[in-house]
Amino acid sequence: MTFGVPTAHQGRPLNCANASILDMAVAKSWNEETAGKQLRKACADVGHDPLYVISDNASILK
């Protein structure tokens, strides 16, 4: 699942109302290539690359 949140400081902590679901995908298994492909698709759908990426640090992304 790919979420988008504003990068500009809102003067308060982020909450659920600040997050937008950009992409949700299911796969039999994930690796660096398939995760990257899905992130690139989400970027194309939004129209720009992310300023920051935060992941769950899964071993497939290292």
N, C-alpha and C. Protein backbone atom coordinates (compact mmCIF):
# COMPACT_ATOMS: atom_id res chain seq x y z
N MET A 1 0.85 -1.15 0.00
CA MET A 1 0.00 0.00 0.00
C MET A 1 0.90 1.22 0.00
N THR A 2 0.56 2.16 -0.84
CA THR A 2 1.33 3.40 -0.93
C THR A 2 0.45 4.55 -0.46
N PHE A 3 0.94 5.28 0.53
CA PHE A 3 0.22 6.44 1.06
C PHE A 3 0.92 7.71 0.62
N GLY A 4 0.17 8.77 0.47
CA GLY A 4 0.73 10.09 0.23
C GLY A 4 0.34 11.00 1.38
N VAL A 5 1.28 11.80 1.83
CA VAL A 5 1.01 12.81 2.87
C VAL A 5 1.70 14.10 2.45
N PRO A 6 1.19 15.25 2.90
CA PRO A 6 1.83 16.51 2.54
C PRO A 6 3.24 16.61 3.13
N THR A 7 4.14 17.22 2.38
CA THR A 7 5.50 17.39 2.88
C THR A 7 5.66 18.71 3.63
N ALA A 8 4.76 19.65 3.39
CA ALA A 8 4.83 20.93 4.10
C ALA A 8 4.39 20.73 5.54
N HIS A 9 5.10 21.35 6.46
CA HIS A 9 4.76 21.23 7.87
C HIS A 9 3.40 21.87 8.13
N GLN A 10 2.52 21.13 8.75
CA GLN A 10 1.17 21.60 9.02
C GLN A 10 1.04 22.30 10.37
N GLY A 11 2.12 22.33 11.15
CA GLY A 11 2.08 22.95 12.46
C GLY A 11 1.44 22.06 13.52
N ARG A 12 1.25 20.80 13.15
CA ARG A 12 0.67 19.82 14.07
C ARG A 12 1.06 18.43 13.60
N PRO A 13 0.90 17.41 14.43
CA PRO A 13 1.23 16.05 14.00
C PRO A 13 0.32 15.59 12.86
N LEU A 14 0.84 14.68 12.05
CA LEU A 14 0.01 14.08 11.00
C LEU A 14 -1.08 13.24 11.64
N ASN A 15 -2.21 13.14 10.96
CA ASN A 15 -3.26 12.23 11.39
C ASN A 15 -3.84 11.55 10.15
N CYS A 16 -4.79 10.68 10.34
CA CYS A 16 -5.35 9.91 9.22
C CYS A 16 -5.94 10.79 8.14
N ALA A 17 -6.48 11.93 8.51
CA ALA A 17 -7.07 12.83 7.53
C ALA A 17 -6.03 13.40 6.57
N ASN A 18 -4.75 13.39 6.96
CA ASN A 18 -3.68 13.91 6.10
C ASN A 18 -3.22 12.90 5.06
N ALA A 19 -3.55 11.63 5.24
CA ALA A 19 -3.04 10.57 4.36
C ALA A 19 -4.03 10.25 3.25
N SER A 20 -3.49 10.02 2.07
CA SER A 20 -4.29 9.56 0.93
C SER A 20 -3.71 8.24 0.46
N ILE A 21 -4.56 7.28 0.17
CA ILE A 21 -4.09 6.02 -0.40
C ILE A 21 -3.85 6.26 -1.88
N LEU A 22 -2.60 6.09 -2.31
CA LEU A 22 -2.23 6.30 -3.71
C LEU A 22 -2.29 5.02 -4.50
N ASP A 23 -2.05 3.89 -3.83
CA ASP A 23 -1.96 2.63 -4.54
C ASP A 23 -2.13 1.49 -3.55
N MET A 24 -2.81 0.44 -4.00
CA MET A 24 -2.92 -0.78 -3.20
C MET A 24 -2.76 -1.94 -4.18
N ALA A 25 -1.85 -2.84 -3.86
CA ALA A 25 -1.58 -3.95 -4.77
C ALA A 25 -1.36 -5.23 -3.98
N VAL A 26 -1.71 -6.33 -4.61
CA VAL A 26 -1.54 -7.65 -4.02
C VAL A 26 -0.68 -8.47 -4.97
N ALA A 27 0.24 -9.24 -4.42
CA ALA A 27 1.08 -10.12 -5.22
C ALA A 27 1.34 -11.40 -4.44
N LYS A 28 1.61 -12.47 -5.16
CA LYS A 28 1.93 -13.73 -4.50
C LYS A 28 3.17 -13.58 -3.64
N SER A 29 4.13 -12.83 -4.14
CA SER A 29 5.33 -12.51 -3.37
C SER A 29 5.89 -11.19 -3.89
N TRP A 30 6.68 -10.53 -3.05
CA TRP A 30 7.26 -9.25 -3.40
C TRP A 30 8.78 -9.35 -3.34
N ASN A 31 9.42 -8.66 -4.25
CA ASN A 31 10.87 -8.51 -4.20
C ASN A 31 11.19 -7.06 -4.55
N GLU A 32 12.44 -6.73 -4.56
CA GLU A 32 12.84 -5.35 -4.82
C GLU A 32 12.29 -4.86 -6.17
N GLU A 33 12.35 -5.72 -7.18
CA GLU A 33 11.91 -5.33 -8.52
C GLU A 33 10.41 -5.05 -8.57
N THR A 34 9.60 -5.96 -8.02
CA THR A 34 8.15 -5.77 -8.07
C THR A 34 7.71 -4.60 -7.18
N ALA A 35 8.35 -4.43 -6.05
CA ALA A 35 8.01 -3.29 -5.18
C ALA A 35 8.37 -1.97 -5.88
N GLY A 36 9.52 -1.93 -6.53
CA GLY A 36 9.94 -0.73 -7.27
C GLY A 36 9.01 -0.43 -8.42
N LYS A 37 8.59 -1.46 -9.14
CA LYS A 37 7.67 -1.29 -10.25
C LYS A 37 6.34 -0.70 -9.76
N GLN A 38 5.86 -1.19 -8.64
CA GLN A 38 4.60 -0.70 -8.09
C GLN A 38 4.73 0.75 -7.63
N LEU A 39 5.87 1.10 -7.03
CA LEU A 39 6.09 2.48 -6.62
C LEU A 39 6.17 3.40 -7.84
N ARG A 40 6.84 2.96 -8.90
CA ARG A 40 6.91 3.77 -10.12
C ARG A 40 5.52 3.98 -10.72
N LYS A 41 4.66 2.96 -10.66
CA LYS A 41 3.29 3.08 -11.15
C LYS A 41 2.53 4.12 -10.33
N ALA A 42 2.66 4.06 -9.01
CA ALA A 42 1.99 5.04 -8.15
C ALA A 42 2.48 6.46 -8.47
N CYS A 43 3.78 6.61 -8.71
CA CYS A 43 4.34 7.93 -9.07
C CYS A 43 3.75 8.43 -10.38
N ALA A 44 3.64 7.55 -11.36
CA ALA A 44 3.07 7.93 -12.65
C ALA A 44 1.61 8.34 -12.49
N ASP A 45 0.86 7.61 -11.67
CA ASP A 45 -0.55 7.94 -11.45
C ASP A 45 -0.71 9.30 -10.79
N VAL A 46 0.19 9.64 -9.87
CA VAL A 46 0.12 10.92 -9.16
C VAL A 46 0.67 12.05 -10.03
N GLY A 47 1.64 11.73 -10.87
CA GLY A 47 2.20 12.73 -11.77
C GLY A 47 3.55 13.28 -11.36
N HIS A 48 4.13 12.74 -10.30
CA HIS A 48 5.47 13.18 -9.90
C HIS A 48 6.09 12.15 -8.96
N ASP A 49 7.42 12.24 -8.84
CA ASP A 49 8.14 11.35 -7.93
C ASP A 49 7.97 11.83 -6.49
N PRO A 50 8.11 10.92 -5.54
CA PRO A 50 8.00 11.34 -4.14
C PRO A 50 9.22 12.14 -3.70
N LEU A 51 9.02 13.02 -2.75
CA LEU A 51 10.15 13.73 -2.15
C LEU A 51 10.86 12.86 -1.13
N TYR A 52 10.09 12.00 -0.47
CA TYR A 52 10.63 11.08 0.54
C TYR A 52 9.94 9.74 0.37
N VAL A 53 10.65 8.68 0.73
CA VAL A 53 10.05 7.34 0.77
C VAL A 53 10.40 6.73 2.12
N ILE A 54 9.39 6.24 2.80
CA ILE A 54 9.58 5.55 4.07
C ILE A 54 9.02 4.15 3.89
N SER A 55 9.80 3.15 4.23
CA SER A 55 9.35 1.76 4.07
C SER A 55 9.37 1.05 5.41
N ASP A 56 8.88 -0.18 5.39
CA ASP A 56 8.90 -0.99 6.61
C ASP A 56 10.24 -1.70 6.78
N ASN A 57 11.22 -1.36 5.94
CA ASN A 57 12.56 -1.95 5.99
C ASN A 57 12.56 -3.46 5.78
N ALA A 58 11.65 -3.91 4.96
CA ALA A 58 11.63 -5.34 4.63
C ALA A 58 12.95 -5.74 4.00
N SER A 59 13.37 -6.95 4.25
CA SER A 59 14.66 -7.43 3.75
C SER A 59 14.72 -7.43 2.23
N ILE A 60 13.57 -7.50 1.54
CA ILE A 60 13.58 -7.50 0.07
C ILE A 60 13.99 -6.16 -0.50
N LEU A 61 13.95 -5.10 0.30
CA LEU A 61 14.27 -3.77 -0.19
C LEU A 61 15.71 -3.37 0.07
N LYS A 62 16.49 -4.25 0.67
CA LYS A 62 17.87 -3.91 1.01
C LYS A 62 18.84 -4.44 -0.01
